[in-house]
Amino acid sequence: MRTRKVTYIAGGALLCIALVAIPLTVKKEAGFTGTDDKAKDAIAQTNPHYKPWASNFMPTFSDEVSSMFFALQAAIGAGIIGYGLGYLRGSKRKDSGNK
């Protein structure tokens, strides 16, 4: 039983490493572009005289700071989802009488 658990943990760790490493090695372009950049390029191609009617309410940050904000947003979202799932599991255990 213990060997099977260690095998699952090792397999999960290898899968996580592969999920991170494969996209970084396959995509050889410098930098990552998001949908905002692609949309801006598409608009510039279809209508070169377009002027944006709205602007950012915050200053533009460097790529590193933007990545940090995105990671922070993902961490907060994961925390909320984890809390919700833990709360539901805890209430289910409380209702059934198991600890």
N, C-alpha and C. Protein backbone atom coordinates (compact mmCIF):
# COMPACT_ATOMS: atom_id res chain seq x y z
N MET A 1 0.83 -1.19 0.00
CA MET A 1 0.00 0.00 0.00
C MET A 1 0.87 1.26 0.00
N ARG A 2 1.92 1.25 0.81
CA ARG A 2 2.80 2.42 0.90
C ARG A 2 3.54 2.64 -0.42
N THR A 3 3.95 1.57 -1.09
CA THR A 3 4.67 1.70 -2.35
C THR A 3 3.77 2.31 -3.42
N ARG A 4 2.51 1.94 -3.42
CA ARG A 4 1.58 2.50 -4.39
C ARG A 4 1.40 4.00 -4.16
N LYS A 5 1.34 4.42 -2.89
CA LYS A 5 1.17 5.83 -2.57
C LYS A 5 2.40 6.63 -3.02
N VAL A 6 3.58 6.09 -2.79
CA VAL A 6 4.81 6.76 -3.22
C VAL A 6 4.86 6.85 -4.74
N THR A 7 4.40 5.80 -5.42
CA THR A 7 4.38 5.81 -6.89
C THR A 7 3.44 6.89 -7.41
N TYR A 8 2.26 7.02 -6.79
CA TYR A 8 1.33 8.07 -7.21
C TYR A 8 1.91 9.46 -6.97
N ILE A 9 2.58 9.65 -5.85
CA ILE A 9 3.17 10.95 -5.55
C ILE A 9 4.28 11.27 -6.54
N ALA A 10 5.13 10.31 -6.83
CA ALA A 10 6.22 10.52 -7.78
C ALA A 10 5.67 10.77 -9.18
N GLY A 11 4.66 10.04 -9.57
CA GLY A 11 4.04 10.25 -10.88
C GLY A 11 3.41 11.62 -10.99
N GLY A 12 2.74 12.05 -9.92
CA GLY A 12 2.13 13.39 -9.93
C GLY A 12 3.19 14.47 -10.01
N ALA A 13 4.29 14.29 -9.29
CA ALA A 13 5.37 15.28 -9.33
C ALA A 13 5.98 15.35 -10.74
N LEU A 14 6.19 14.21 -11.37
CA LEU A 14 6.73 14.20 -12.73
C LEU A 14 5.76 14.84 -13.72
N LEU A 15 4.48 14.60 -13.53
CA LEU A 15 3.48 15.21 -14.40
C LEU A 15 3.49 16.73 -14.26
N CYS A 16 3.59 17.23 -13.02
CA CYS A 16 3.65 18.67 -12.80
C CYS A 16 4.89 19.29 -13.44
N ILE A 17 6.02 18.62 -13.29
CA ILE A 17 7.25 19.12 -13.90
C ILE A 17 7.13 19.14 -15.42
N ALA A 18 6.53 18.10 -15.99
CA ALA A 18 6.36 18.04 -17.44
C ALA A 18 5.41 19.14 -17.92
N LEU A 19 4.34 19.40 -17.16
CA LEU A 19 3.40 20.45 -17.56
C LEU A 19 4.03 21.83 -17.56
N VAL A 20 5.04 22.04 -16.74
CA VAL A 20 5.74 23.32 -16.72
C VAL A 20 6.84 23.36 -17.77
N ALA A 21 7.59 22.27 -17.92
CA ALA A 21 8.77 22.26 -18.78
C ALA A 21 8.43 22.20 -20.26
N ILE A 22 7.42 21.45 -20.64
CA ILE A 22 7.13 21.26 -22.07
C ILE A 22 6.76 22.57 -22.76
N PRO A 23 5.85 23.38 -22.23
CA PRO A 23 5.56 24.65 -22.93
C PRO A 23 6.75 25.60 -23.00
N LEU A 24 7.60 25.56 -22.00
CA LEU A 24 8.76 26.45 -22.02
C LEU A 24 9.80 26.02 -23.04
N THR A 25 9.89 24.73 -23.33
CA THR A 25 10.87 24.26 -24.30
C THR A 25 10.32 24.24 -25.72
N VAL A 26 9.03 24.08 -25.89
CA VAL A 26 8.44 24.02 -27.23
C VAL A 26 8.36 25.40 -27.86
N LYS A 27 7.91 26.39 -27.11
CA LYS A 27 7.74 27.73 -27.65
C LYS A 27 9.08 28.46 -27.61
N LYS A 28 9.65 28.73 -28.75
CA LYS A 28 10.98 29.33 -28.82
C LYS A 28 10.95 30.84 -29.00
N GLU A 29 9.76 31.45 -29.13
CA GLU A 29 9.69 32.89 -29.30
C GLU A 29 10.14 33.60 -28.02
N ALA A 30 10.63 34.80 -28.19
CA ALA A 30 11.03 35.59 -27.02
C ALA A 30 9.80 36.25 -26.43
N GLY A 31 9.50 35.95 -25.20
CA GLY A 31 8.37 36.55 -24.52
C GLY A 31 7.06 35.88 -24.84
N PHE A 32 6.08 36.16 -24.01
CA PHE A 32 4.75 35.61 -24.19
C PHE A 32 3.81 36.75 -24.54
N THR A 33 2.96 36.54 -25.50
CA THR A 33 1.98 37.56 -25.85
C THR A 33 0.60 37.06 -25.46
N GLY A 34 -0.20 37.96 -24.98
CA GLY A 34 -1.54 37.60 -24.57
C GLY A 34 -2.57 38.00 -25.60
N THR A 35 -3.82 37.78 -25.28
CA THR A 35 -4.90 38.12 -26.20
C THR A 35 -5.03 39.62 -26.38
N ASP A 36 -4.65 40.40 -25.37
CA ASP A 36 -4.71 41.85 -25.51
C ASP A 36 -3.80 42.33 -26.64
N ASP A 37 -2.60 41.79 -26.69
CA ASP A 37 -1.66 42.19 -27.74
C ASP A 37 -2.14 41.73 -29.11
N LYS A 38 -2.69 40.53 -29.18
CA LYS A 38 -3.19 40.03 -30.47
C LYS A 38 -4.39 40.83 -30.94
N ALA A 39 -5.26 41.23 -30.01
CA ALA A 39 -6.41 42.05 -30.38
C ALA A 39 -5.97 43.42 -30.87
N LYS A 40 -4.98 44.01 -30.20
CA LYS A 40 -4.47 45.31 -30.61
C LYS A 40 -3.87 45.23 -32.02
N ASP A 41 -3.15 44.16 -32.31
CA ASP A 41 -2.58 43.98 -33.64
C ASP A 41 -3.65 43.79 -34.70
N ALA A 42 -4.71 43.02 -34.36
CA ALA A 42 -5.80 42.79 -35.31
C ALA A 42 -6.55 44.09 -35.62
N ILE A 43 -6.77 44.90 -34.61
CA ILE A 43 -7.45 46.19 -34.81
C ILE A 43 -6.58 47.11 -35.67
N ALA A 44 -5.28 47.12 -35.42
CA ALA A 44 -4.38 47.96 -36.20
C ALA A 44 -4.35 47.55 -37.66
N GLN A 45 -4.51 46.25 -37.94
CA GLN A 45 -4.52 45.79 -39.33
C GLN A 45 -5.82 46.13 -40.04
N THR A 46 -6.95 46.00 -39.35
CA THR A 46 -8.23 46.25 -40.00
C THR A 46 -8.57 47.74 -40.09
N ASN A 47 -8.18 48.52 -39.11
CA ASN A 47 -8.49 49.96 -39.10
C ASN A 47 -7.29 50.72 -38.55
N PRO A 48 -6.37 51.12 -39.41
CA PRO A 48 -5.15 51.78 -38.93
C PRO A 48 -5.38 53.16 -38.29
N HIS A 49 -6.53 53.79 -38.54
CA HIS A 49 -6.80 55.12 -37.99
C HIS A 49 -7.61 55.07 -36.69
N TYR A 50 -7.75 53.90 -36.13
CA TYR A 50 -8.55 53.74 -34.91
C TYR A 50 -7.86 54.42 -33.73
N LYS A 51 -8.64 55.16 -32.94
CA LYS A 51 -8.13 55.77 -31.71
C LYS A 51 -8.90 55.16 -30.54
N PRO A 52 -8.19 54.64 -29.54
CA PRO A 52 -8.89 54.05 -28.39
C PRO A 52 -9.71 55.11 -27.66
N TRP A 53 -10.90 54.75 -27.19
CA TRP A 53 -11.77 55.67 -26.49
C TRP A 53 -11.66 55.53 -24.98
N ALA A 54 -10.86 54.58 -24.53
CA ALA A 54 -10.63 54.41 -23.09
C ALA A 54 -9.14 54.21 -22.86
N SER A 55 -8.70 54.50 -21.66
CA SER A 55 -7.29 54.31 -21.34
C SER A 55 -7.18 53.59 -19.99
N ASN A 56 -5.99 53.11 -19.69
CA ASN A 56 -5.75 52.43 -18.42
C ASN A 56 -5.90 53.40 -17.26
N PHE A 57 -6.48 52.94 -16.16
CA PHE A 57 -6.57 53.80 -14.99
C PHE A 57 -5.37 53.61 -14.07
N MET A 58 -4.54 52.62 -14.37
CA MET A 58 -3.29 52.40 -13.62
C MET A 58 -2.13 52.51 -14.60
N PRO A 59 -0.96 52.87 -14.12
CA PRO A 59 0.18 52.93 -15.02
C PRO A 59 0.56 51.53 -15.52
N THR A 60 1.19 51.48 -16.67
CA THR A 60 1.64 50.21 -17.23
C THR A 60 2.89 49.74 -16.48
N PHE A 61 2.87 48.49 -16.07
CA PHE A 61 4.00 47.93 -15.31
C PHE A 61 4.88 47.10 -16.24
N SER A 62 6.05 46.74 -15.72
CA SER A 62 6.94 45.88 -16.49
C SER A 62 6.35 44.48 -16.56
N ASP A 63 6.92 43.64 -17.41
CA ASP A 63 6.42 42.27 -17.58
C ASP A 63 6.50 41.47 -16.28
N GLU A 64 7.55 41.69 -15.50
CA GLU A 64 7.72 40.94 -14.26
C GLU A 64 6.63 41.31 -13.26
N VAL A 65 6.32 42.59 -13.13
CA VAL A 65 5.30 43.03 -12.18
C VAL A 65 3.92 42.55 -12.65
N SER A 66 3.67 42.60 -13.95
CA SER A 66 2.40 42.12 -14.49
C SER A 66 2.24 40.63 -14.22
N SER A 67 3.32 39.88 -14.38
CA SER A 67 3.27 38.44 -14.09
C SER A 67 3.01 38.20 -12.62
N MET A 68 3.60 39.03 -11.75
CA MET A 68 3.38 38.87 -10.32
C MET A 68 1.92 39.13 -9.97
N PHE A 69 1.32 40.17 -10.56
CA PHE A 69 -0.09 40.46 -10.30
C PHE A 69 -0.98 39.32 -10.80
N PHE A 70 -0.64 38.75 -11.95
CA PHE A 70 -1.42 37.63 -12.47
C PHE A 70 -1.31 36.42 -11.56
N ALA A 71 -0.09 36.14 -11.07
CA ALA A 71 0.10 35.02 -10.15
C ALA A 71 -0.62 35.26 -8.83
N LEU A 72 -0.60 36.50 -8.35
CA LEU A 72 -1.32 36.84 -7.12
C LEU A 72 -2.82 36.64 -7.30
N GLN A 73 -3.35 37.05 -8.43
CA GLN A 73 -4.76 36.86 -8.72
C GLN A 73 -5.10 35.37 -8.78
N ALA A 74 -4.25 34.56 -9.39
CA ALA A 74 -4.48 33.12 -9.45
C ALA A 74 -4.42 32.50 -8.06
N ALA A 75 -3.49 32.96 -7.23
CA ALA A 75 -3.37 32.42 -5.88
C ALA A 75 -4.58 32.76 -5.03
N ILE A 76 -5.07 33.98 -5.15
CA ILE A 76 -6.27 34.37 -4.40
C ILE A 76 -7.47 33.54 -4.86
N GLY A 77 -7.61 33.36 -6.16
CA GLY A 77 -8.70 32.55 -6.69
C GLY A 77 -8.61 31.10 -6.22
N ALA A 78 -7.40 30.54 -6.24
CA ALA A 78 -7.22 29.17 -5.77
C ALA A 78 -7.53 29.06 -4.28
N GLY A 79 -7.16 30.07 -3.51
CA GLY A 79 -7.47 30.07 -2.08
C GLY A 79 -8.96 30.10 -1.82
N ILE A 80 -9.68 30.90 -2.58
CA ILE A 80 -11.14 30.97 -2.41
C ILE A 80 -11.79 29.64 -2.79
N ILE A 81 -11.36 29.07 -3.89
CA ILE A 81 -11.91 27.77 -4.31
C ILE A 81 -11.57 26.69 -3.28
N GLY A 82 -10.32 26.67 -2.81
CA GLY A 82 -9.91 25.69 -1.80
C GLY A 82 -10.69 25.83 -0.50
N TYR A 83 -10.90 27.07 -0.08
CA TYR A 83 -11.69 27.30 1.13
C TYR A 83 -13.11 26.80 0.94
N GLY A 84 -13.70 27.11 -0.21
CA GLY A 84 -15.07 26.67 -0.47
C GLY A 84 -15.21 25.16 -0.49
N LEU A 85 -14.26 24.49 -1.15
CA LEU A 85 -14.31 23.02 -1.18
C LEU A 85 -14.08 22.43 0.21
N GLY A 86 -13.16 23.01 0.98
CA GLY A 86 -12.93 22.54 2.34
C GLY A 86 -14.13 22.75 3.23
N TYR A 87 -14.79 23.89 3.06
CA TYR A 87 -16.00 24.17 3.84
C TYR A 87 -17.10 23.16 3.51
N LEU A 88 -17.28 22.88 2.22
CA LEU A 88 -18.31 21.91 1.83
C LEU A 88 -17.99 20.51 2.36
N ARG A 89 -16.72 20.12 2.28
CA ARG A 89 -16.34 18.80 2.79
C ARG A 89 -16.52 18.73 4.30
N GLY A 90 -16.14 19.81 4.99
CA GLY A 90 -16.30 19.83 6.44
C GLY A 90 -17.76 19.78 6.86
N SER A 91 -18.61 20.50 6.16
CA SER A 91 -20.03 20.47 6.51
C SER A 91 -20.64 19.11 6.19
N LYS A 92 -20.14 18.45 5.14
CA LYS A 92 -20.65 17.11 4.83
C LYS A 92 -20.24 16.11 5.91
N ARG A 93 -19.00 16.22 6.39
CA ARG A 93 -18.54 15.33 7.46
C ARG A 93 -19.32 15.60 8.75
N LYS A 94 -19.59 16.84 9.03
CA LYS A 94 -20.33 17.20 10.24
C LYS A 94 -21.75 16.64 10.19
N ASP A 95 -22.38 16.70 9.03
CA ASP A 95 -23.73 16.19 8.88
C ASP A 95 -23.79 14.68 8.99
N SER A 96 -22.74 13.98 8.51
CA SER A 96 -22.78 12.51 8.55
C SER A 96 -22.28 11.96 9.88
N GLY A 97 -21.64 12.77 10.71
CA GLY A 97 -21.18 12.32 12.01
C GLY A 97 -19.79 11.73 12.01
N ASN A 98 -19.10 11.68 10.85
CA ASN A 98 -17.73 11.17 10.78
C ASN A 98 -16.75 12.29 11.06
N LYS A 99 -15.57 11.90 11.55
CA LYS A 99 -14.53 12.90 11.82
C LYS A 99 -13.33 12.64 10.99
